[in-house]
Amino acid sequence: MAKTAATEPSSNGSTPAPAATAAPKATRRTPAAATPAASASGSSRTQPQPAVTPTPTIRTMIVLLPDAVPHESLTAHALDRHFGVRGVLEARFWAAPTLKLWQRGQIVGLRKGRPAACAGGPARLLDLAGLRQAAGIGAGIRHQLWTHAVRGTRPAYPWTAYLAKHLADPAKYSWDDAKNDFHAQPRVNAMRMHNAVNPGAGHLDLFDIEMFQAGQMAYQHHTAVTAICADALLCDNGVRLAPRSDTLADRTTYIEQALRVLDVMPAEQRLIAVSL
């Protein structure tokens, strides 16, 4: 599977120049409410129509393994051969705290520690519920930090809106224009200032601003379920699920689809996390 990634500004405020942009696969008209307004610097550029839907950022994929795939073949070469996925195993999951010594051979990429991180295994031997709960708790704390950091600022447009505007007419609205207009928003600047003086655990991802603005519970739910369904899902029947774009609406649609699969998978279903 070809890796797709929407270019995004880094959370420290610097934005890498985009690679050559492939021709957009889909276009749509952007409602006026979703169009970046004039930036805080006074820009009065108009939104080109139709706007382009940027491809989604896919960093990690969850793969549900068919029964026919042997445990011993879970290598990067085998992933490419069996699934068309180019990547490496990622220690994203937690092994169940009740894991017995004789069960460790069924876990993929088991590491030491409590909780013990691993790349996957049978669902019954993974602590998916614990991982999901911990991610949600961490997100709740992070949202409280964000609320304090941006207090007094007005809602901001997400990076995806500016990227779409740039991709729709790069000659008229350059990459630098998009980056500068996004960063010029008072709420984004507040997040950047917070990150500058609070490195490490207190970091706030600029790319998550749309999720933050959806409210604390929405942000917690999004973070919790993303911990187990990642950015894309390859089902054991070959069906691939992924968001249409990086917008919150499209990522929510993907989460709904992925949970319909993960919530009903049998206890013996093997799953692995692959970093693309």
Protein backbone atom coordinates (compact mmCIF):
# COMPACT_ATOMS: atom_id res chain seq x y z
CA MET A 1 0.00 0.00 0.00
CA ALA A 2 1.43 3.35 -0.93
CA LYS A 3 2.00 5.64 2.02
CA THR A 4 0.08 8.88 1.89
CA ALA A 5 0.81 11.93 3.96
CA ALA A 6 -0.66 15.41 4.01
CA THR A 7 2.07 17.92 4.68
CA GLU A 8 1.59 19.66 7.99
CA PRO A 9 3.32 22.32 10.03
CA SER A 10 5.55 21.01 12.77
CA SER A 11 4.42 21.63 16.30
CA ASN A 12 7.38 23.90 17.02
CA GLY A 13 6.11 26.39 14.46
CA SER A 14 8.48 25.63 11.58
CA THR A 15 6.96 24.16 8.45
CA PRO A 16 8.89 21.98 6.00
CA ALA A 17 8.55 22.76 2.33
CA PRO A 18 6.22 20.27 0.65
CA ALA A 19 7.40 17.56 -1.66
CA ALA A 20 6.11 17.60 -5.20
CA THR A 21 2.37 17.45 -4.85
CA ALA A 22 0.65 14.69 -6.74
CA ALA A 23 -2.42 15.54 -8.74
CA PRO A 24 -5.37 15.56 -6.34
CA LYS A 25 -7.57 12.50 -6.51
CA ALA A 26 -10.74 14.25 -5.49
CA THR A 27 -12.06 17.78 -5.41
CA ARG A 28 -14.91 19.43 -3.64
CA ARG A 29 -16.29 22.86 -3.00
CA THR A 30 -15.42 24.27 0.37
CA PRO A 31 -18.31 25.92 2.24
CA ALA A 32 -17.80 29.52 3.15
CA ALA A 33 -17.69 28.59 6.83
CA ALA A 34 -14.69 26.32 6.22
CA THR A 35 -12.73 28.85 4.16
CA PRO A 36 -9.75 30.50 5.87
CA ALA A 37 -10.65 34.10 6.51
CA ALA A 38 -8.21 36.94 6.16
CA SER A 39 -5.29 36.27 8.45
CA ALA A 40 -4.39 38.31 11.49
CA SER A 41 -1.77 40.03 9.36
CA GLY A 42 -4.49 41.56 7.22
CA SER A 43 -4.43 39.27 4.18
CA SER A 44 -7.51 39.57 1.99
CA ARG A 45 -6.85 36.69 -0.41
CA THR A 46 -9.96 34.95 -1.68
CA GLN A 47 -10.48 31.22 -1.60
CA PRO A 48 -9.95 29.52 -5.01
CA GLN A 49 -12.81 27.29 -6.11
CA PRO A 50 -13.02 24.38 -6.19
CA ALA A 51 -10.74 23.59 -3.24
CA VAL A 52 -8.65 20.40 -3.18
CA THR A 53 -9.02 17.73 -0.53
CA PRO A 54 -5.47 16.96 0.70
CA THR A 55 -4.55 13.30 1.09
CA PRO A 56 -4.56 11.98 4.67
CA THR A 57 -1.48 11.53 6.84
CA ILE A 58 -0.97 7.81 7.38
CA ARG A 59 1.87 7.10 9.80
CA THR A 60 0.69 3.89 11.44
CA MET A 61 -1.53 1.10 10.13
CA ILE A 62 -3.18 -1.68 12.12
CA VAL A 63 -3.15 -5.00 10.26
CA LEU A 64 -5.53 -7.85 11.13
CA LEU A 65 -3.66 -11.02 10.23
CA PRO A 66 -5.37 -13.84 8.33
CA ASP A 67 -5.03 -17.28 9.91
CA ALA A 68 -2.87 -18.43 6.99
CA VAL A 69 -0.04 -16.02 7.85
CA PRO A 70 2.41 -17.76 10.21
CA HIS A 71 3.73 -15.93 13.26
CA GLU A 72 7.35 -16.51 12.19
CA SER A 73 6.89 -14.59 8.93
CA LEU A 74 6.10 -11.25 10.54
CA THR A 75 9.05 -9.36 9.11
CA ALA A 76 9.21 -6.23 6.97
CA HIS A 77 9.78 -8.39 3.87
CA ALA A 78 6.78 -10.59 4.68
CA LEU A 79 4.53 -7.60 5.32
CA ASP A 80 5.28 -6.30 1.85
CA ARG A 81 4.81 -9.72 0.26
CA HIS A 82 1.58 -10.68 2.04
CA PHE A 83 -0.13 -7.30 2.41
CA GLY A 84 1.60 -4.82 0.12
CA VAL A 85 2.54 -2.79 3.20
CA ARG A 86 6.02 -1.26 3.33
CA GLY A 87 6.92 -0.55 6.92
CA VAL A 88 8.31 -1.85 10.18
CA LEU A 89 6.62 -3.28 13.24
CA GLU A 90 5.74 -0.65 15.85
CA ALA A 91 5.49 -1.30 19.59
CA ARG A 92 2.13 0.45 19.89
CA PHE A 93 0.11 -2.02 21.96
CA TRP A 94 0.34 -3.27 25.54
CA ALA A 95 0.55 -6.93 26.42
CA ALA A 96 -2.07 -8.10 28.91
CA PRO A 97 -0.81 -7.76 32.52
CA THR A 98 -1.89 -11.38 33.12
CA LEU A 99 0.34 -12.69 30.30
CA LYS A 100 1.87 -16.05 31.23
CA LEU A 101 5.44 -17.04 30.46
CA TRP A 102 4.33 -19.69 27.98
CA GLN A 103 2.15 -17.16 26.13
CA ARG A 104 4.97 -14.73 25.38
CA GLY A 105 5.84 -16.55 22.18
CA GLN A 106 2.49 -15.47 20.73
CA ILE A 107 3.25 -11.77 21.27
CA VAL A 108 5.00 -9.86 18.50
CA GLY A 109 7.93 -7.64 19.48
CA LEU A 110 7.41 -7.93 23.24
CA ARG A 111 9.45 -5.48 25.30
CA LYS A 112 10.29 -5.29 28.97
CA GLY A 113 8.43 -2.97 31.29
CA ARG A 114 5.07 -2.40 32.92
CA PRO A 115 2.97 -2.07 30.93
CA ALA A 116 4.92 -4.22 28.47
CA ALA A 117 4.84 -2.64 25.02
CA CYS A 118 4.56 -4.86 21.96
CA ALA A 119 3.77 -4.74 18.25
CA GLY A 120 0.80 -7.07 18.47
CA GLY A 121 -0.53 -10.56 19.01
CA PRO A 122 -3.89 -12.25 19.64
CA ALA A 123 -6.48 -9.73 20.86
CA ARG A 124 -7.08 -11.74 24.05
CA LEU A 125 -3.41 -11.31 25.03
CA LEU A 126 -3.38 -7.54 24.47
CA ASP A 127 -4.57 -4.91 26.93
CA LEU A 128 -6.51 -2.85 24.39
CA ALA A 129 -8.96 -1.55 27.00
CA GLY A 130 -6.15 -0.38 29.28
CA LEU A 131 -4.32 1.32 26.42
CA ARG A 132 -7.48 3.07 25.32
CA GLN A 133 -8.27 4.26 28.84
CA ALA A 134 -4.75 5.56 29.47
CA ALA A 135 -4.73 7.47 26.19
CA GLY A 136 -8.06 9.06 27.06
CA ILE A 137 -6.87 10.13 30.51
CA GLY A 138 -3.73 11.68 29.07
CA ALA A 139 -5.82 13.51 26.47
CA GLY A 140 -8.06 14.97 29.18
CA ILE A 141 -5.05 16.45 30.97
CA ARG A 142 -3.64 17.75 27.70
CA HIS A 143 -6.93 19.43 26.81
CA GLN A 144 -6.95 21.23 30.15
CA LEU A 145 -3.46 22.55 29.39
CA TRP A 146 -4.65 23.63 25.95
CA THR A 147 -7.68 25.43 27.41
CA HIS A 148 -5.46 27.49 29.69
CA ALA A 149 -2.93 28.16 26.94
CA VAL A 150 -5.44 29.56 24.43
CA ARG A 151 -7.84 31.30 26.82
CA GLY A 152 -9.00 34.61 25.38
CA THR A 153 -8.22 33.73 21.76
CA ARG A 154 -10.81 33.20 19.06
CA PRO A 155 -11.25 29.84 17.25
CA ALA A 156 -8.69 29.14 14.55
CA TYR A 157 -8.92 27.47 11.17
CA PRO A 158 -7.03 24.15 10.99
CA TRP A 159 -3.97 23.63 8.82
CA THR A 160 -5.96 21.45 6.41
CA ALA A 161 -8.00 24.48 5.31
CA TYR A 162 -4.88 26.44 4.35
CA LEU A 163 -3.25 23.43 2.71
CA ALA A 164 -6.36 22.83 0.59
CA LYS A 165 -6.35 26.48 -0.47
CA HIS A 166 -2.69 26.24 -1.46
CA LEU A 167 -3.13 22.99 -3.41
CA ALA A 168 -6.11 24.43 -5.28
CA ASP A 169 -4.00 27.23 -6.80
CA PRO A 170 -0.30 27.09 -5.81
CA ALA A 171 0.61 29.95 -8.15
CA LYS A 172 -1.88 32.33 -6.56
CA TYR A 173 -1.62 31.14 -2.95
CA SER A 174 1.89 29.90 -2.20
CA TRP A 175 3.08 27.46 0.42
CA ASP A 176 4.65 30.30 2.38
CA ASP A 177 1.37 32.24 2.27
CA ALA A 178 -0.47 29.22 3.67
CA LYS A 179 2.11 28.65 6.40
CA ASN A 180 2.24 32.30 7.41
CA ASP A 181 -1.55 32.74 7.45
CA PHE A 182 -1.97 29.61 9.58
CA HIS A 183 0.72 30.67 12.04
CA ALA A 184 -0.60 34.26 12.20
CA GLN A 185 -3.79 33.17 13.95
CA PRO A 186 -3.75 34.25 17.62
CA ARG A 187 -4.83 30.81 18.88
CA VAL A 188 -2.08 29.05 16.94
CA ASN A 189 0.46 31.55 18.25
CA ALA A 190 -0.74 30.87 21.80
CA MET A 191 -0.13 27.14 21.29
CA ARG A 192 3.32 27.80 19.83
CA MET A 193 4.23 29.98 22.79
CA HIS A 194 3.05 27.27 25.19
CA ASN A 195 5.20 24.68 23.39
CA ALA A 196 8.23 26.96 23.49
CA VAL A 197 8.20 27.17 27.28
CA ASN A 198 6.73 23.70 27.99
CA PRO A 199 8.72 21.10 26.03
CA GLY A 200 8.16 17.41 26.57
CA ALA A 201 4.98 16.09 28.16
CA GLY A 202 3.21 19.46 27.97
CA HIS A 203 3.57 19.67 24.20
CA LEU A 204 0.45 20.65 22.20
CA ASP A 205 0.30 19.51 18.57
CA LEU A 206 -0.68 22.37 16.25
CA PHE A 207 -2.08 19.79 13.86
CA ASP A 208 -4.66 18.78 16.50
CA ILE A 209 -6.21 22.23 16.81
CA GLU A 210 -9.47 21.13 15.15
CA MET A 211 -9.75 18.23 17.61
CA PHE A 212 -8.98 20.50 20.57
CA GLN A 213 -11.67 22.95 19.50
CA ALA A 214 -14.27 20.17 19.31
CA GLY A 215 -14.29 20.04 23.12
CA GLN A 216 -12.66 18.03 25.90
CA MET A 217 -14.80 14.89 25.60
CA ALA A 218 -14.51 14.79 21.81
CA TYR A 219 -10.73 15.18 22.05
CA GLN A 220 -10.50 12.47 24.70
CA HIS A 221 -12.61 10.03 22.69
CA HIS A 222 -10.66 10.75 19.51
CA THR A 223 -7.30 10.21 21.21
CA ALA A 224 -8.44 7.09 23.06
CA VAL A 225 -9.75 5.24 20.02
CA THR A 226 -6.88 6.40 17.81
CA ALA A 227 -4.56 4.62 20.24
CA ILE A 228 -5.96 1.29 19.04
CA CYS A 229 -7.08 1.98 15.45
CA ALA A 230 -4.18 4.29 14.43
CA ASP A 231 -4.37 6.08 11.07
CA ALA A 232 -5.53 3.19 8.88
CA LEU A 233 -6.75 -0.40 9.20
CA LEU A 234 -6.11 -3.38 6.94
CA CYS A 235 -8.73 -6.06 7.61
CA ASP A 236 -8.00 -9.78 7.37
CA ASN A 237 -10.17 -9.97 4.24
CA GLY A 238 -8.03 -7.38 2.45
CA VAL A 239 -10.35 -4.39 2.94
CA ARG A 240 -8.42 -1.21 3.71
CA LEU A 241 -9.97 1.54 5.81
CA ALA A 242 -8.51 5.04 6.02
CA PRO A 243 -9.78 8.61 6.36
CA ARG A 244 -10.45 10.57 3.18
CA SER A 245 -8.44 13.51 4.50
CA ASP A 246 -6.98 14.88 7.74
CA THR A 247 -10.08 16.88 8.63
CA LEU A 248 -11.80 15.98 11.89
CA ALA A 249 -14.96 14.97 10.03
CA ASP A 250 -13.11 12.50 7.79
CA ARG A 251 -11.05 11.09 10.65
CA THR A 252 -14.21 10.61 12.70
CA THR A 253 -15.76 8.68 9.82
CA TYR A 254 -12.68 6.44 9.72
CA ILE A 255 -12.84 5.86 13.48
CA GLU A 256 -16.49 4.82 13.20
CA GLN A 257 -15.63 2.33 10.46
CA ALA A 258 -12.57 0.94 12.26
CA LEU A 259 -14.40 0.46 15.56
CA ARG A 260 -17.15 -1.50 13.81
CA VAL A 261 -14.43 -4.00 12.90
CA LEU A 262 -12.30 -3.96 16.06
CA ASP A 263 -15.20 -4.08 18.52
CA VAL A 264 -16.49 -7.38 17.10
CA MET A 265 -13.24 -9.17 16.22
CA PRO A 266 -12.83 -12.58 17.88
CA ALA A 267 -10.52 -12.96 20.87
CA GLU A 268 -8.12 -15.09 18.81
CA GLN A 269 -7.78 -12.47 16.06
CA ARG A 270 -4.14 -11.46 15.65
CA LEU A 271 -3.34 -7.82 14.99
CA ILE A 272 -0.12 -5.90 14.57
CA ALA A 273 0.87 -2.24 14.32
CA VAL A 274 3.04 -1.19 11.38
CA SER A 275 4.89 2.11 11.14
CA LEU A 276 4.87 3.24 7.50
